[in-house]
PDB file of N, CA and C in Angstrom:
ATOM      1  N   UNK A   1       0.821  -1.186   0.000  1.00  0.00           N
ATOM      2  CA  UNK A   1       0.000   0.000   0.000  1.00  0.00           C
ATOM      3  C   UNK A   1       0.870   1.256   0.000  1.00  0.00           C
ATOM      4  N   UNK A   2       1.894   1.266   0.842  1.00  0.00           N
ATOM      5  CA  UNK A   2       2.789   2.420   0.894  1.00  0.00           C
ATOM      6  C   UNK A   2       3.544   2.560  -0.420  1.00  0.00           C
ATOM      7  N   UNK A   3       3.932   1.436  -0.998  1.00  0.00           N
ATOM      8  CA  UNK A   3       4.640   1.470  -2.272  1.00  0.00           C
ATOM      9  C   UNK A   3       3.763   2.085  -3.363  1.00  0.00           C
ATOM     10  N   UNK A   4       2.495   1.723  -3.367  1.00  0.00           N
ATOM     11  CA  UNK A   4       1.567   2.299  -4.350  1.00  0.00           C
ATOM     12  C   UNK A   4       1.457   3.809  -4.165  1.00  0.00           C
ATOM     13  N   UNK A   5       1.360   4.254  -2.914  1.00  0.00           N
ATOM     14  CA  UNK A   5       1.255   5.697  -2.643  1.00  0.00           C
ATOM     15  C   UNK A   5       2.509   6.426  -3.113  1.00  0.00           C
ATOM     16  N   UNK A   6       3.668   5.826  -2.885  1.00  0.00           N
ATOM     17  CA  UNK A   6       4.916   6.447  -3.332  1.00  0.00           C
ATOM     18  C   UNK A   6       5.009   6.509  -4.855  1.00  0.00           C
ATOM     19  N   UNK A   7       4.582   5.440  -5.502  1.00  0.00           N
ATOM     20  CA  UNK A   7       4.619   5.428  -6.966  1.00  0.00           C
ATOM     21  C   UNK A   7       3.604   6.397  -7.574  1.00  0.00           C
ATOM     22  N   UNK A   8       2.480   6.585  -6.912  1.00  0.00           N
ATOM     23  CA  UNK A   8       1.433   7.468  -7.428  1.00  0.00           C
ATOM     24  C   UNK A   8       1.647   8.924  -7.036  1.00  0.00           C
ATOM     25  N   UNK A   9       2.637   9.183  -6.192  1.00  0.00           N
ATOM     26  CA  UNK A   9       2.878  10.538  -5.695  1.00  0.00           C
ATOM     27  C   UNK A   9       3.054  11.584  -6.794  1.00  0.00           C
ATOM     28  N   UNK A  10       3.787  11.291  -7.888  1.00  0.00           N
ATOM     29  CA  UNK A  10       3.911  12.313  -8.937  1.00  0.00           C
ATOM     30  C   UNK A  10       2.570  12.726  -9.547  1.00  0.00           C
ATOM     31  N   UNK A  11       1.566  11.891  -9.429  1.00  0.00           N
ATOM     32  CA  UNK A  11       0.244  12.222  -9.975  1.00  0.00           C
ATOM     33  C   UNK A  11      -0.655  12.802  -8.895  1.00  0.00           C
ATOM     34  N   UNK A  12      -0.649  12.192  -7.720  1.00  0.00           N
ATOM     35  CA  UNK A  12      -1.577  12.613  -6.666  1.00  0.00           C
ATOM     36  C   UNK A  12      -1.165  13.922  -6.006  1.00  0.00           C
ATOM     37  N   UNK A  13       0.124  14.200  -5.891  1.00  0.00           N
ATOM     38  CA  UNK A  13       0.558  15.437  -5.235  1.00  0.00           C
ATOM     39  C   UNK A  13       0.109  16.682  -6.002  1.00  0.00           C
ATOM     40  N   UNK A  14       0.357  16.752  -7.323  1.00  0.00           N
ATOM     41  CA  UNK A  14      -0.133  17.932  -8.048  1.00  0.00           C
ATOM     42  C   UNK A  14      -1.656  18.039  -8.018  1.00  0.00           C
ATOM     43  N   UNK A  15      -2.340  16.909  -8.090  1.00  0.00           N
ATOM     44  CA  UNK A  15      -3.805  16.948  -8.050  1.00  0.00           C
ATOM     45  C   UNK A  15      -4.285  17.484  -6.712  1.00  0.00           C
ATOM     46  N   UNK A  16      -3.646  17.064  -5.625  1.00  0.00           N
ATOM     47  CA  UNK A  16      -4.020  17.559  -4.304  1.00  0.00           C
ATOM     48  C   UNK A  16      -3.735  19.050  -4.191  1.00  0.00           C
ATOM     49  N   UNK A  17      -2.627  19.495  -4.765  1.00  0.00           N
ATOM     50  CA  UNK A  17      -2.297  20.922  -4.751  1.00  0.00           C
ATOM     51  C   UNK A  17      -3.294  21.750  -5.542  1.00  0.00           C
ATOM     52  N   UNK A  18      -3.686  21.242  -6.682  1.00  0.00           N
ATOM     53  CA  UNK A  18      -4.676  21.941  -7.508  1.00  0.00           C
ATOM     54  C   UNK A  18      -6.017  21.999  -6.785  1.00  0.00           C
ATOM     55  N   UNK A  19      -6.412  20.889  -6.159  1.00  0.00           N
ATOM     56  CA  UNK A  19      -7.671  20.849  -5.409  1.00  0.00           C
ATOM     57  C   UNK A  19      -7.640  21.884  -4.273  1.00  0.00           C
ATOM     58  N   UNK A  20      -6.511  21.962  -3.568  1.00  0.00           N
ATOM     59  CA  UNK A  20      -6.365  22.926  -2.474  1.00  0.00           C
ATOM     60  C   UNK A  20      -6.512  24.355  -2.999  1.00  0.00           C
ATOM     61  N   UNK A  21      -5.852  24.657  -4.103  1.00  0.00           N
ATOM     62  CA  UNK A  21      -5.931  26.008  -4.681  1.00  0.00           C
ATOM     63  C   UNK A  21      -7.351  26.350  -5.104  1.00  0.00           C
ATOM     64  N   UNK A  22      -8.024  25.410  -5.723  1.00  0.00           N
ATOM     65  CA  UNK A  22      -9.404  25.651  -6.156  1.00  0.00           C
ATOM     66  C   UNK A  22     -10.309  25.884  -4.955  1.00  0.00           C
ATOM     67  N   UNK A  23     -10.130  25.102  -3.894  1.00  0.00           N
ATOM     68  CA  UNK A  23     -10.941  25.299  -2.684  1.00  0.00           C
ATOM     69  C   UNK A  23     -10.712  26.690  -2.098  1.00  0.00           C
ATOM     70  N   UNK A  24      -9.457  27.155  -2.090  1.00  0.00           N
ATOM     71  CA  UNK A  24      -9.151  28.486  -1.559  1.00  0.00           C
ATOM     72  C   UNK A  24      -9.792  29.572  -2.420  1.00  0.00           C
ATOM     73  N   UNK A  25      -9.743  29.409  -3.733  1.00  0.00           N
ATOM     74  CA  UNK A  25     -10.357  30.393  -4.631  1.00  0.00           C
ATOM     75  C   UNK A  25     -11.868  30.433  -4.417  1.00  0.00           C
ATOM     76  N   UNK A  26     -12.488  29.282  -4.282  1.00  0.00           N
ATOM     77  CA  UNK A  26     -13.937  29.217  -4.050  1.00  0.00           C
ATOM     78  C   UNK A  26     -14.291  29.869  -2.714  1.00  0.00           C
ATOM     79  N   UNK A  27     -13.507  29.582  -1.674  1.00  0.00           N
ATOM     80  CA  UNK A  27     -13.755  30.198  -0.369  1.00  0.00           C
ATOM     81  C   UNK A  27     -13.663  31.718  -0.449  1.00  0.00           C
ATOM     82  N   UNK A  28     -12.636  32.220  -1.149  1.00  0.00           N
ATOM     83  CA  UNK A  28     -12.458  33.662  -1.287  1.00  0.00           C
ATOM     84  C   UNK A  28     -13.607  34.278  -2.087  1.00  0.00           C
ATOM     85  N   UNK A  29     -14.013  33.608  -3.151  1.00  0.00           N
ATOM     86  CA  UNK A  29     -15.123  34.119  -3.969  1.00  0.00           C
ATOM     87  C   UNK A  29     -16.412  34.169  -3.163  1.00  0.00           C
ATOM     88  N   UNK A  30     -16.678  33.135  -2.351  1.00  0.00           N
ATOM     89  CA  UNK A  30     -17.874  33.138  -1.511  1.00  0.00           C
ATOM     90  C   UNK A  30     -17.811  34.265  -0.492  1.00  0.00           C
ATOM     91  N   UNK A  31     -16.636  34.484   0.067  1.00  0.00           N
ATOM     92  CA  UNK A  31     -16.475  35.572   1.035  1.00  0.00           C
ATOM     93  C   UNK A  31     -16.750  36.927   0.372  1.00  0.00           C
ATOM     94  N   UNK A  32     -16.211  37.145  -0.807  1.00  0.00           N
ATOM     95  CA  UNK A  32     -16.432  38.395  -1.514  1.00  0.00           C
ATOM     96  C   UNK A  32     -17.889  38.554  -1.936  1.00  0.00           C
ATOM     97  N   UNK A  33     -18.511  37.438  -2.291  1.00  0.00           N
ATOM     98  CA  UNK A  33     -19.890  37.470  -2.749  1.00  0.00           C
ATOM     99  C   UNK A  33     -20.848  37.822  -1.618  1.00  0.00           C
ATOM    100  N   UNK A  34     -20.485  37.480  -0.399  1.00  0.00           N
ATOM    101  CA  UNK A  34     -21.367  37.733   0.738  1.00  0.00           C
ATOM    102  C   UNK A  34     -20.916  38.915   1.591  1.00  0.00           C
ATOM    103  N   UNK A  35     -19.971  39.693   1.113  1.00  0.00           N
ATOM    104  CA  UNK A  35     -19.488  40.861   1.856  1.00  0.00           C
ATOM    105  C   UNK A  35     -20.249  42.094   1.392  1.00  0.00           C
ATOM    106  N   UNK A  36     -21.011  42.696   2.300  1.00  0.00           N
ATOM    107  CA  UNK A  36     -21.805  43.859   1.913  1.00  0.00           C
ATOM    108  C   UNK A  36     -21.082  45.183   2.163  1.00  0.00           C
ATOM    109  N   UNK A  37     -19.873  45.166   2.684  1.00  0.00           N
ATOM    110  CA  UNK A  37     -19.131  46.397   2.973  1.00  0.00           C
ATOM    111  C   UNK A  37     -18.892  47.251   1.724  1.00  0.00           C
ATOM    112  N   UNK A  38     -18.472  46.665   0.582  1.00  0.00           N
ATOM    113  CA  UNK A  38     -18.271  47.505  -0.600  1.00  0.00           C
ATOM    114  C   UNK A  38     -19.557  48.193  -1.080  1.00  0.00           C
ATOM    115  N   UNK A  39     -20.683  47.509  -0.969  1.00  0.00           N
ATOM    116  CA  UNK A  39     -21.952  48.099  -1.412  1.00  0.00           C
ATOM    117  C   UNK A  39     -22.340  49.236  -0.472  1.00  0.00           C
ATOM    118  N   UNK A  40     -22.167  49.012   0.830  1.00  0.00           N
ATOM    119  CA  UNK A  40     -22.476  50.087   1.783  1.00  0.00           C
ATOM    120  C   UNK A  40     -21.562  51.291   1.553  1.00  0.00           C
ATOM    121  N   UNK A  41     -20.305  51.024   1.225  1.00  0.00           N
ATOM    122  CA  UNK A  41     -19.360  52.099   0.931  1.00  0.00           C
ATOM    123  C   UNK A  41     -19.795  52.867  -0.321  1.00  0.00           C
ATOM    124  N   UNK A  42     -20.251  52.148  -1.338  1.00  0.00           N
ATOM    125  CA  UNK A  42     -20.730  52.811  -2.553  1.00  0.00           C
ATOM    126  C   UNK A  42     -21.963  53.664  -2.267  1.00  0.00           C
ATOM    127  N   UNK A  43     -22.836  53.171  -1.393  1.00  0.00           N
ATOM    128  CA  UNK A  43     -24.010  53.972  -1.005  1.00  0.00           C
ATOM    129  C   UNK A  43     -23.593  55.262  -0.315  1.00  0.00           C
ATOM    130  N   UNK A  44     -22.603  55.162   0.561  1.00  0.00           N
ATOM    131  CA  UNK A  44     -22.103  56.353   1.252  1.00  0.00           C
ATOM    132  C   UNK A  44     -21.477  57.336   0.268  1.00  0.00           C
ATOM    133  N   UNK A  45     -20.673  56.823  -0.660  1.00  0.00           N
ATOM    134  CA  UNK A  45     -20.069  57.690  -1.679  1.00  0.00           C
ATOM    135  C   UNK A  45     -21.135  58.357  -2.547  1.00  0.00           C
ATOM    136  N   UNK A  46     -22.176  57.625  -2.861  1.00  0.00           N
ATOM    137  CA  UNK A  46     -23.275  58.178  -3.656  1.00  0.00           C
ATOM    138  C   UNK A  46     -23.967  59.302  -2.896  1.00  0.00           C
ATOM    139  N   UNK A  47     -24.178  59.098  -1.609  1.00  0.00           N
ATOM    140  CA  UNK A  47     -24.801  60.142  -0.782  1.00  0.00           C
ATOM    141  C   UNK A  47     -23.922  61.386  -0.739  1.00  0.00           C
ATOM    142  N   UNK A  48     -22.625  61.194  -0.633  1.00  0.00           N
ATOM    143  CA  UNK A  48     -21.699  62.337  -0.622  1.00  0.00           C
ATOM    144  C   UNK A  48     -21.741  63.065  -1.959  1.00  0.00           C
ATOM    145  N   UNK A  49     -21.774  62.309  -3.058  1.00  0.00           N
ATOM    146  CA  UNK A  49     -21.870  62.922  -4.391  1.00  0.00           C
ATOM    147  C   UNK A  49     -23.139  63.766  -4.508  1.00  0.00           C
ATOM    148  N   UNK A  50     -24.247  63.255  -3.971  1.00  0.00           N
ATOM    149  CA  UNK A  50     -25.507  63.994  -4.026  1.00  0.00           C
ATOM    150  C   UNK A  50     -25.399  65.289  -3.236  1.00  0.00           C
ATOM    151  N   UNK A  51     -24.820  65.207  -2.045  1.00  0.00           N
ATOM    152  CA  UNK A  51     -24.689  66.405  -1.208  1.00  0.00           C
ATOM    153  C   UNK A  51     -23.755  67.433  -1.825  1.00  0.00           C
ATOM    154  N   UNK A  52     -22.728  66.974  -2.551  1.00  0.00           N
ATOM    155  CA  UNK A  52     -21.791  67.886  -3.201  1.00  0.00           C
ATOM    156  C   UNK A  52     -22.293  68.373  -4.554  1.00  0.00           C
ATOM    157  N   UNK A  53     -23.410  67.825  -5.021  1.00  0.00           N
ATOM    158  CA  UNK A  53     -23.974  68.244  -6.292  1.00  0.00           C
ATOM    159  C   UNK A  53     -23.402  67.503  -7.491  1.00  0.00           C
ATOM    160  N   UNK A  54     -22.719  66.411  -7.255  1.00  0.00           N
ATOM    161  CA  UNK A  54     -22.109  65.638  -8.345  1.00  0.00           C
ATOM    162  C   UNK A  54     -23.116  64.830  -9.144  1.00  0.00           C
ATOM    163  N   UNK A  55     -24.267  64.518  -8.524  1.00  0.00           N
ATOM    164  CA  UNK A  55     -25.317  63.771  -9.218  1.00  0.00           C
ATOM    165  C   UNK A  55     -26.655  64.456  -8.975  1.00  0.00           C
ATOM    166  N   UNK A  56     -27.551  64.259  -9.918  1.00  0.00           N
ATOM    167  CA  UNK A  56     -28.888  64.822  -9.742  1.00  0.00           C
ATOM    168  C   UNK A  56     -29.718  63.872  -8.877  1.00  0.00           C
ATOM    169  N   UNK A  57     -30.870  64.378  -8.436  1.00  0.00           N
ATOM    170  CA  UNK A  57     -31.752  63.543  -7.624  1.00  0.00           C
ATOM    171  C   UNK A  57     -32.207  62.305  -8.396  1.00  0.00           C
ATOM    172  N   UNK A  58     -32.453  62.464  -9.680  1.00  0.00           N
ATOM    173  CA  UNK A  58     -32.897  61.342 -10.501  1.00  0.00           C
ATOM    174  C   UNK A  58     -31.804  60.280 -10.627  1.00  0.00           C
ATOM    175  N   UNK A  59     -30.558  60.727 -10.898  1.00  0.00           N
ATOM    176  CA  UNK A  59     -29.435  59.792 -10.979  1.00  0.00           C
ATOM    177  C   UNK A  59     -29.234  59.080  -9.640  1.00  0.00           C
ATOM    178  N   UNK A  60     -29.337  59.853  -8.573  1.00  0.00           N
ATOM    179  CA  UNK A  60     -29.160  59.294  -7.238  1.00  0.00           C
ATOM    180  C   UNK A  60     -30.185  58.191  -6.978  1.00  0.00           C
ATOM    181  N   UNK A  61     -31.435  58.466  -7.312  1.00  0.00           N
ATOM    182  CA  UNK A  61     -32.499  57.494  -7.071  1.00  0.00           C
ATOM    183  C   UNK A  61     -32.259  56.209  -7.859  1.00  0.00           C
ATOM    184  N   UNK A  62     -31.853  56.338  -9.100  1.00  0.00           N
ATOM    185  CA  UNK A  62     -31.599  55.166  -9.938  1.00  0.00           C
ATOM    186  C   UNK A  62     -30.434  54.334  -9.398  1.00  0.00           C
ATOM    187  N   UNK A  63     -29.324  54.997  -9.111  1.00  0.00           N
ATOM    188  CA  UNK A  63     -28.142  54.281  -8.626  1.00  0.00           C
ATOM    189  C   UNK A  63     -28.373  53.698  -7.234  1.00  0.00           C
ATOM    190  N   UNK A  64     -29.118  54.425  -6.406  1.00  0.00           N
ATOM    191  CA  UNK A  64     -29.415  53.926  -5.067  1.00  0.00           C
ATOM    192  C   UNK A  64     -30.270  52.655  -5.153  1.00  0.00           C
ATOM    193  N   UNK A  65     -31.234  52.646  -6.059  1.00  0.00           N
ATOM    194  CA  UNK A  65     -32.089  51.466  -6.212  1.00  0.00           C
ATOM    195  C   UNK A  65     -31.269  50.245  -6.609  1.00  0.00           C
ATOM    196  N   UNK A  66     -30.310  50.426  -7.512  1.00  0.00           N
ATOM    197  CA  UNK A  66     -29.458  49.314  -7.936  1.00  0.00           C
ATOM    198  C   UNK A  66     -28.622  48.808  -6.758  1.00  0.00           C
ATOM    199  N   UNK A  67     -28.047  49.734  -5.996  1.00  0.00           N
ATOM    200  CA  UNK A  67     -27.205  49.343  -4.865  1.00  0.00           C
ATOM    201  C   UNK A  67     -28.023  48.676  -3.758  1.00  0.00           C
ATOM    202  N   UNK A  68     -29.199  49.174  -3.492  1.00  0.00           N
ATOM    203  CA  UNK A  68     -30.042  48.565  -2.462  1.00  0.00           C
ATOM    204  C   UNK A  68     -30.508  47.168  -2.884  1.00  0.00           C
ATOM    205  N   UNK A  69     -30.777  46.989  -4.166  1.00  0.00           N
ATOM    206  CA  UNK A  69     -31.127  45.661  -4.661  1.00  0.00           C
ATOM    207  C   UNK A  69     -29.962  44.706  -4.463  1.00  0.00           C
ATOM    208  N   UNK A  70     -28.756  45.161  -4.784  1.00  0.00           N
ATOM    209  CA  UNK A  70     -27.561  44.327  -4.597  1.00  0.00           C
ATOM    210  C   UNK A  70     -27.361  44.002  -3.115  1.00  0.00           C
ATOM    211  N   UNK A  71     -27.598  44.970  -2.243  1.00  0.00           N
ATOM    212  CA  UNK A  71     -27.457  44.756  -0.803  1.00  0.00           C
ATOM    213  C   UNK A  71     -28.448  43.700  -0.308  1.00  0.00           C
ATOM    214  N   UNK A  72     -29.687  43.764  -0.797  1.00  0.00           N
ATOM    215  CA  UNK A  72     -30.684  42.752  -0.426  1.00  0.00           C
ATOM    216  C   UNK A  72     -30.273  41.365  -0.916  1.00  0.00           C
ATOM    217  N   UNK A  73     -29.728  41.292  -2.139  1.00  0.00           N
ATOM    218  CA  UNK A  73     -29.274  40.008  -2.680  1.00  0.00           C
ATOM    219  C   UNK A  73     -28.152  39.416  -1.828  1.00  0.00           C
ATOM    220  N   UNK A  74     -27.219  40.254  -1.408  1.00  0.00           N
ATOM    221  CA  UNK A  74     -26.107  39.786  -0.578  1.00  0.00           C
ATOM    222  C   UNK A  74     -26.636  39.259   0.748  1.00  0.00           C
ATOM    223  N   UNK A  75     -27.536  39.985   1.366  1.00  0.00           N
ATOM    224  CA  UNK A  75     -28.073  39.554   2.654  1.00  0.00           C
ATOM    225  C   UNK A  75     -28.893  38.271   2.515  1.00  0.00           C
ATOM    226  N   UNK A  76     -29.610  38.125   1.425  1.00  0.00           N
ATOM    227  CA  UNK A  76     -30.372  36.893   1.191  1.00  0.00           C
ATOM    228  C   UNK A  76     -29.410  35.713   0.979  1.00  0.00           C
ATOM    229  N   UNK A  77     -28.337  35.950   0.243  1.00  0.00           N
ATOM    230  CA  UNK A  77     -27.341  34.899   0.025  1.00  0.00           C
ATOM    231  C   UNK A  77     -26.717  34.484   1.349  1.00  0.00           C
ATOM    232  N   UNK A  78     -26.445  35.451   2.212  1.00  0.00           N
ATOM    233  CA  UNK A  78     -25.897  35.141   3.539  1.00  0.00           C
ATOM    234  C   UNK A  78     -26.862  34.271   4.340  1.00  0.00           C
ATOM    235  N   UNK A  79     -28.160  34.634   4.288  1.00  0.00           N
ATOM    236  CA  UNK A  79     -29.163  33.841   5.003  1.00  0.00           C
ATOM    237  C   UNK A  79     -29.219  32.407   4.474  1.00  0.00           C
ATOM    238  N   UNK A  80     -29.158  32.259   3.157  1.00  0.00           N
ATOM    239  CA  UNK A  80     -29.190  30.927   2.562  1.00  0.00           C
ATOM    240  C   UNK A  80     -27.979  30.097   2.975  1.00  0.00           C
ATOM    241  N   UNK A  81     -26.798  30.714   2.974  1.00  0.00           N
ATOM    242  CA  UNK A  81     -25.595  29.999   3.388  1.00  0.00           C
ATOM    243  C   UNK A  81     -25.670  29.606   4.860  1.00  0.00           C
ATOM    244  N   UNK A  82     -26.181  30.499   5.688  1.00  0.00           N
ATOM    245  CA  UNK A  82     -26.317  30.195   7.117  1.00  0.00           C
ATOM    246  C   UNK A  82     -27.302  29.053   7.318  1.00  0.00           C
ATOM    247  N   UNK A  83     -28.375  29.054   6.554  1.00  0.00           N
ATOM    248  CA  UNK A  83     -29.367  27.983   6.659  1.00  0.00           C
ATOM    249  C   UNK A  83     -28.754  26.651   6.218  1.00  0.00           C
ATOM    250  N   UNK A  84     -27.963  26.666   5.137  1.00  0.00           N
ATOM    251  CA  UNK A  84     -27.305  25.436   4.672  1.00  0.00           C
ATOM    252  C   UNK A  84     -26.356  24.893   5.733  1.00  0.00           C
ATOM    253  N   UNK A  85     -25.594  25.773   6.355  1.00  0.00           N
ATOM    254  CA  UNK A  85     -24.672  25.349   7.406  1.00  0.00           C
ATOM    255  C   UNK A  85     -25.458  24.792   8.582  1.00  0.00           C
ATOM    256  N   UNK A  86     -26.551  25.446   8.933  1.00  0.00           N
ATOM    257  CA  UNK A  86     -27.385  24.968  10.036  1.00  0.00           C
ATOM    258  C   UNK A  86     -28.002  23.616   9.725  1.00  0.00           C
ATOM    259  N   UNK A  87     -28.466  23.440   8.497  1.00  0.00           N
ATOM    260  CA  UNK A  87     -29.059  22.154   8.107  1.00  0.00           C
ATOM    261  C   UNK A  87     -28.011  21.048   8.095  1.00  0.00           C
ATOM    262  N   UNK A  88     -26.805  21.383   7.674  1.00  0.00           N
ATOM    263  CA  UNK A  88     -25.742  20.377   7.613  1.00  0.00           C
ATOM    264  C   UNK A  88     -25.318  19.930   9.004  1.00  0.00           C
ATOM    265  N   UNK A  89     -25.378  20.852   9.961  1.00  0.00           N
ATOM    266  CA  UNK A  89     -24.948  20.494  11.310  1.00  0.00           C
ATOM    267  C   UNK A  89     -26.104  19.998  12.167  1.00  0.00           C
ATOM    268  N   UNK A  90     -27.312  20.052  11.636  1.00  0.00           N
ATOM    269  CA  UNK A  90     -28.472  19.591  12.403  1.00  0.00           C
ATOM    270  C   UNK A  90     -28.442  18.074  12.518  1.00  0.00           C
ATOM    271  N   UNK A  91     -28.907  17.557  13.642  1.00  0.00           N
ATOM    272  CA  UNK A  91     -28.917  16.098  13.802  1.00  0.00           C
ATOM    273  C   UNK A  91     -29.946  15.460  12.869  1.00  0.00           C
ATOM    274  N   UNK A  92     -29.671  14.238  12.468  1.00  0.00           N
ATOM    275  CA  UNK A  92     -30.598  13.497  11.613  1.00  0.00           C
ATOM    276  C   UNK A  92     -31.825  13.115  12.429  1.00  0.00           C
ATOM    277  N   UNK A  93     -32.869  12.694  11.739  1.00  0.00           N
ATOM    278  CA  UNK A  93     -34.091  12.296  12.428  1.00  0.00           C
ATOM    279  C   UNK A  93     -33.798  11.209  13.449  1.00  0.00           C
ATOM    280  N   UNK A  94     -34.279  11.401  14.650  1.00  0.00           N
ATOM    281  CA  UNK A  94     -34.098  10.404  15.701  1.00  0.00           C
ATOM    282  C   UNK A  94     -32.809  10.585  16.487  1.00  0.00           C
ATOM    283  N   UNK A  95     -31.865  11.379  15.958  1.00  0.00           N
ATOM    284  CA  UNK A  95     -30.618  11.609  16.674  1.00  0.00           C
ATOM    285  C   UNK A  95     -30.812  12.699  17.712  1.00  0.00           C
ATOM    286  N   UNK A  96     -30.073  12.591  18.790  1.00  0.00           N
ATOM    287  CA  UNK A  96     -30.122  13.619  19.815  1.00  0.00           C
ATOM    288  C   UNK A  96     -28.871  14.473  19.711  1.00  0.00           C
ATOM    289  N   UNK A  97     -29.021  15.724  20.017  1.00  0.00           N
ATOM    290  CA  UNK A  97     -27.896  16.650  20.015  1.00  0.00           C
ATOM    291  C   UNK A  97     -27.540  16.944  21.459  1.00  0.00           C
ATOM    292  N   UNK A  98     -26.267  16.992  21.736  1.00  0.00           N
ATOM    293  CA  UNK A  98     -25.836  17.333  23.085  1.00  0.00           C
ATOM    294  C   UNK A  98     -25.025  18.619  23.040  1.00  0.00           C
ATOM    295  N   UNK A  99     -25.131  19.388  24.096  1.00  0.00           N
ATOM    296  CA  UNK A  99     -24.420  20.652  24.209  1.00  0.00           C
ATOM    297  C   UNK A  99     -23.566  20.584  25.460  1.00  0.00           C
ATOM    298  N   UNK A 100     -22.315  20.969  25.328  1.00  0.00           N
ATOM    299  CA  UNK A 100     -21.400  20.982  26.463  1.00  0.00           C
ATOM    300  C   UNK A 100     -21.088  22.429  26.783  1.00  0.00           C
ATOM    301  N   UNK A 101     -21.335  22.805  28.028  1.00  0.00           N
ATOM    302  CA  UNK A 101     -21.039  24.162  28.471  1.00  0.00           C
ATOM    303  C   UNK A 101     -19.906  24.061  29.486  1.00  0.00           C
ATOM    304  N   UNK A 102     -18.784  24.675  29.146  1.00  0.00           N
ATOM    305  CA  UNK A 102     -17.646  24.654  30.051  1.00  0.00           C
ATOM    306  C   UNK A 102     -17.651  25.921  30.892  1.00  0.00           C
ATOM    307  N   UNK A 103     -17.458  25.746  32.177  1.00  0.00           N
ATOM    308  CA  UNK A 103     -17.431  26.872  33.110  1.00  0.00           C
ATOM    309  C   UNK A 103     -16.003  27.088  33.547  1.00  0.00           C
ATOM    310  N   UNK A 104     -15.501  28.319  33.458  1.00  0.00           N
ATOM    311  CA  UNK A 104     -14.135  28.582  33.907  1.00  0.00           C
ATOM    312  C   UNK A 104     -13.967  28.206  35.389  1.00  0.00           C
ATOM    313  N   UNK A 105     -12.767  27.811  35.737  1.00  0.00           N
ATOM    314  CA  UNK A 105     -12.502  27.369  37.107  1.00  0.00           C
ATOM    315  C   UNK A 105     -12.792  28.468  38.121  1.00  0.00           C
ATOM    316  N   UNK A 106     -12.609  29.721  37.742  1.00  0.00           N
ATOM    317  CA  UNK A 106     -12.838  30.829  38.675  1.00  0.00           C
ATOM    318  C   UNK A 106     -14.300  30.893  39.111  1.00  0.00           C
ATOM    319  N   UNK A 107     -15.209  30.435  38.265  1.00  0.00           N
ATOM    320  CA  UNK A 107     -16.632  30.529  38.568  1.00  0.00           C
ATOM    321  C   UNK A 107     -17.159  29.311  39.305  1.00  0.00           C
ATOM    322  N   UNK A 108     -16.384  28.265  39.395  1.00  0.00           N
ATOM    323  CA  UNK A 108     -16.862  27.046  40.057  1.00  0.00           C
ATOM    324  C   UNK A 108     -16.826  27.180  41.546  1.00  0.00           C
TER     325      UNK A 108
END
């Protein structure tokens, strides 16, 4: 078995490295997809532009609607991901879940 692993190493090592890189890229993309900070920042910049006279009220309303729609989509995506994680960690039918609460020694 060990001999097979050693002989297959030139094939399995690069594949494992590629898999690791792809997982990291997917994780980063999901993080960026669910980060609402850039959209909130754009909303703030838009408000500043309106106050400085850089955009008209009509332009502001149109751009704000697009940004608010994007913000709602991000928050909905976050809720869906949280629900998926919750469902994945939920016990199967008939299984019991146990919770362990550790108390610091100072409080005992």
